[in-house]
Amino acid sequence: DALANALANFALARNWDQYHSPKNLVMALTGEVGELSEIFQWLSEDSSKFVASNPDTAAAVREELADVTLYLVRRWKLEFLK
């Protein structure tokens, strides 16, 4: 709830609620999942298990996972906690 409320306040302060319809949030989420997928796209199965061993790759995965999480939380808050 704390994260969802922080995201709601962040969006409200920027007048972004007008853009945060379920459709738009799902589209944004899809884009972020695509960016996460790009990191893994051409890795072998074994290499994909060790992305955290490379600091640059690990940071990129963390950033994309954070983006995915934020859109999921924002969507969930809009749809189910009205």
C-alpha atoms as a PDB file:
ATOM      1  CA  ASP A   1       0.000   0.000   0.000  1.00  0.00           C
ATOM      2  CA  ALA A   2       2.829   2.407   0.793  1.00  0.00           C
ATOM      3  CA  LEU A   3       4.341   1.977  -2.665  1.00  0.00           C
ATOM      4  CA  ALA A   4       0.945   2.261  -4.353  1.00  0.00           C
ATOM      5  CA  ASN A   5       0.186   5.433  -2.412  1.00  0.00           C
ATOM      6  CA  ALA A   6       3.596   6.923  -3.209  1.00  0.00           C
ATOM      7  CA  LEU A   7       3.045   6.212  -6.912  1.00  0.00           C
ATOM      8  CA  ALA A   8      -0.442   7.702  -6.784  1.00  0.00           C
ATOM      9  CA  ASN A   9       0.908  10.862  -5.148  1.00  0.00           C
ATOM     10  CA  PHE A  10       3.765  11.044  -7.649  1.00  0.00           C
ATOM     11  CA  ALA A  11       1.311  10.809 -10.569  1.00  0.00           C
ATOM     12  CA  LEU A  12      -1.114  13.255  -8.969  1.00  0.00           C
ATOM     13  CA  ALA A  13       1.609  15.877  -8.433  1.00  0.00           C
ATOM     14  CA  ARG A  14       2.450  15.695 -12.142  1.00  0.00           C
ATOM     15  CA  ASN A  15      -1.162  15.558 -13.359  1.00  0.00           C
ATOM     16  CA  TRP A  16      -0.475  12.131 -14.895  1.00  0.00           C
ATOM     17  CA  ASP A  17      -3.707  10.494 -13.748  1.00  0.00           C
ATOM     18  CA  GLN A  18      -5.269  11.564 -17.030  1.00  0.00           C
ATOM     19  CA  TYR A  19      -2.822   9.220 -18.790  1.00  0.00           C
ATOM     20  CA  HIS A  20      -2.927   6.335 -16.329  1.00  0.00           C
ATOM     21  CA  SER A  21      -5.914   4.493 -17.695  1.00  0.00           C
ATOM     22  CA  PRO A  22      -5.778   0.720 -17.459  1.00  0.00           C
ATOM     23  CA  LYS A  23      -5.117   0.533 -21.217  1.00  0.00           C
ATOM     24  CA  ASN A  24      -2.212   2.968 -21.091  1.00  0.00           C
ATOM     25  CA  LEU A  25      -0.661   1.347 -18.046  1.00  0.00           C
ATOM     26  CA  VAL A  26      -0.853  -2.099 -19.643  1.00  0.00           C
ATOM     27  CA  MET A  27       0.747  -0.729 -22.802  1.00  0.00           C
ATOM     28  CA  ALA A  28       3.539   0.853 -20.750  1.00  0.00           C
ATOM     29  CA  LEU A  29       3.963  -2.379 -18.794  1.00  0.00           C
ATOM     30  CA  THR A  30       4.253  -4.306 -22.044  1.00  0.00           C
ATOM     31  CA  GLY A  31       7.009  -1.957 -23.191  1.00  0.00           C
ATOM     32  CA  GLU A  32       8.935  -2.420 -19.962  1.00  0.00           C
ATOM     33  CA  VAL A  33       8.606  -6.209 -20.130  1.00  0.00           C
ATOM     34  CA  GLY A  34       9.943  -5.941 -23.689  1.00  0.00           C
ATOM     35  CA  GLU A  35      12.968  -4.012 -22.434  1.00  0.00           C
ATOM     36  CA  LEU A  36      13.579  -6.681 -19.796  1.00  0.00           C
ATOM     37  CA  SER A  37      13.242  -9.380 -22.459  1.00  0.00           C
ATOM     38  CA  GLU A  38      15.846  -7.662 -24.631  1.00  0.00           C
ATOM     39  CA  ILE A  39      18.473  -8.182 -21.947  1.00  0.00           C
ATOM     40  CA  PHE A  40      17.906 -11.940 -22.061  1.00  0.00           C
ATOM     41  CA  GLN A  41      16.993 -12.337 -25.733  1.00  0.00           C
ATOM     42  CA  TRP A  42      20.233 -13.721 -27.120  1.00  0.00           C
ATOM     43  CA  LEU A  43      21.662 -15.285 -23.982  1.00  0.00           C
ATOM     44  CA  SER A  44      21.937 -19.028 -23.692  1.00  0.00           C
ATOM     45  CA  GLU A  45      19.940 -20.771 -20.974  1.00  0.00           C
ATOM     46  CA  ASP A  46      23.097 -21.103 -18.884  1.00  0.00           C
ATOM     47  CA  SER A  47      24.202 -17.501 -19.430  1.00  0.00           C
ATOM     48  CA  SER A  48      20.784 -16.203 -18.461  1.00  0.00           C
ATOM     49  CA  LYS A  49      21.203 -17.753 -15.025  1.00  0.00           C
ATOM     50  CA  PHE A  50      24.285 -15.641 -14.361  1.00  0.00           C
ATOM     51  CA  VAL A  51      23.250 -12.146 -15.462  1.00  0.00           C
ATOM     52  CA  ALA A  52      23.802 -10.931 -11.910  1.00  0.00           C
ATOM     53  CA  SER A  53      27.506 -11.760 -12.132  1.00  0.00           C
ATOM     54  CA  ASN A  54      28.025  -8.862 -14.554  1.00  0.00           C
ATOM     55  CA  PRO A  55      27.460  -5.559 -12.731  1.00  0.00           C
ATOM     56  CA  ASP A  56      26.204  -3.752 -15.844  1.00  0.00           C
ATOM     57  CA  THR A  57      23.744  -6.469 -16.768  1.00  0.00           C
ATOM     58  CA  ALA A  58      22.623  -6.893 -13.175  1.00  0.00           C
ATOM     59  CA  ALA A  59      21.929  -3.162 -12.919  1.00  0.00           C
ATOM     60  CA  ALA A  60      19.961  -3.194 -16.179  1.00  0.00           C
ATOM     61  CA  VAL A  61      17.832  -6.132 -14.997  1.00  0.00           C
ATOM     62  CA  ARG A  62      17.159  -4.424 -11.653  1.00  0.00           C
ATOM     63  CA  GLU A  63      16.112  -1.208 -13.408  1.00  0.00           C
ATOM     64  CA  GLU A  64      13.716  -2.995 -15.759  1.00  0.00           C
ATOM     65  CA  LEU A  65      12.275  -5.130 -12.957  1.00  0.00           C
ATOM     66  CA  ALA A  66      11.680  -1.937 -10.979  1.00  0.00           C
ATOM     67  CA  ASP A  67       9.841  -0.377 -13.926  1.00  0.00           C
ATOM     68  CA  VAL A  68       7.710  -3.503 -14.376  1.00  0.00           C
ATOM     69  CA  THR A  69       6.919  -3.553 -10.653  1.00  0.00           C
ATOM     70  CA  LEU A  70       5.906   0.094 -10.626  1.00  0.00           C
ATOM     71  CA  TYR A  71       3.488  -0.324 -13.528  1.00  0.00           C
ATOM     72  CA  LEU A  72       2.023  -3.475 -11.991  1.00  0.00           C
ATOM     73  CA  VAL A  73       1.476  -1.737  -8.656  1.00  0.00           C
ATOM     74  CA  ARG A  74       0.020   1.341 -10.310  1.00  0.00           C
ATOM     75  CA  ARG A  75      -2.356  -0.742 -12.441  1.00  0.00           C
ATOM     76  CA  TRP A  76      -3.402  -2.883  -9.494  1.00  0.00           C
ATOM     77  CA  LYS A  77      -4.106   0.189  -7.380  1.00  0.00           C
ATOM     78  CA  LEU A  78      -6.255   1.793 -10.088  1.00  0.00           C
ATOM     79  CA  GLU A  79      -8.258  -1.294 -10.862  1.00  0.00           C
ATOM     80  CA  PHE A  80      -8.822  -3.019  -7.566  1.00  0.00           C
ATOM     81  CA  LEU A  81      -8.482  -0.468  -4.795  1.00  0.00           C
ATOM     82  CA  LYS A  82     -10.813   2.245  -6.010  1.00  0.00           C
END
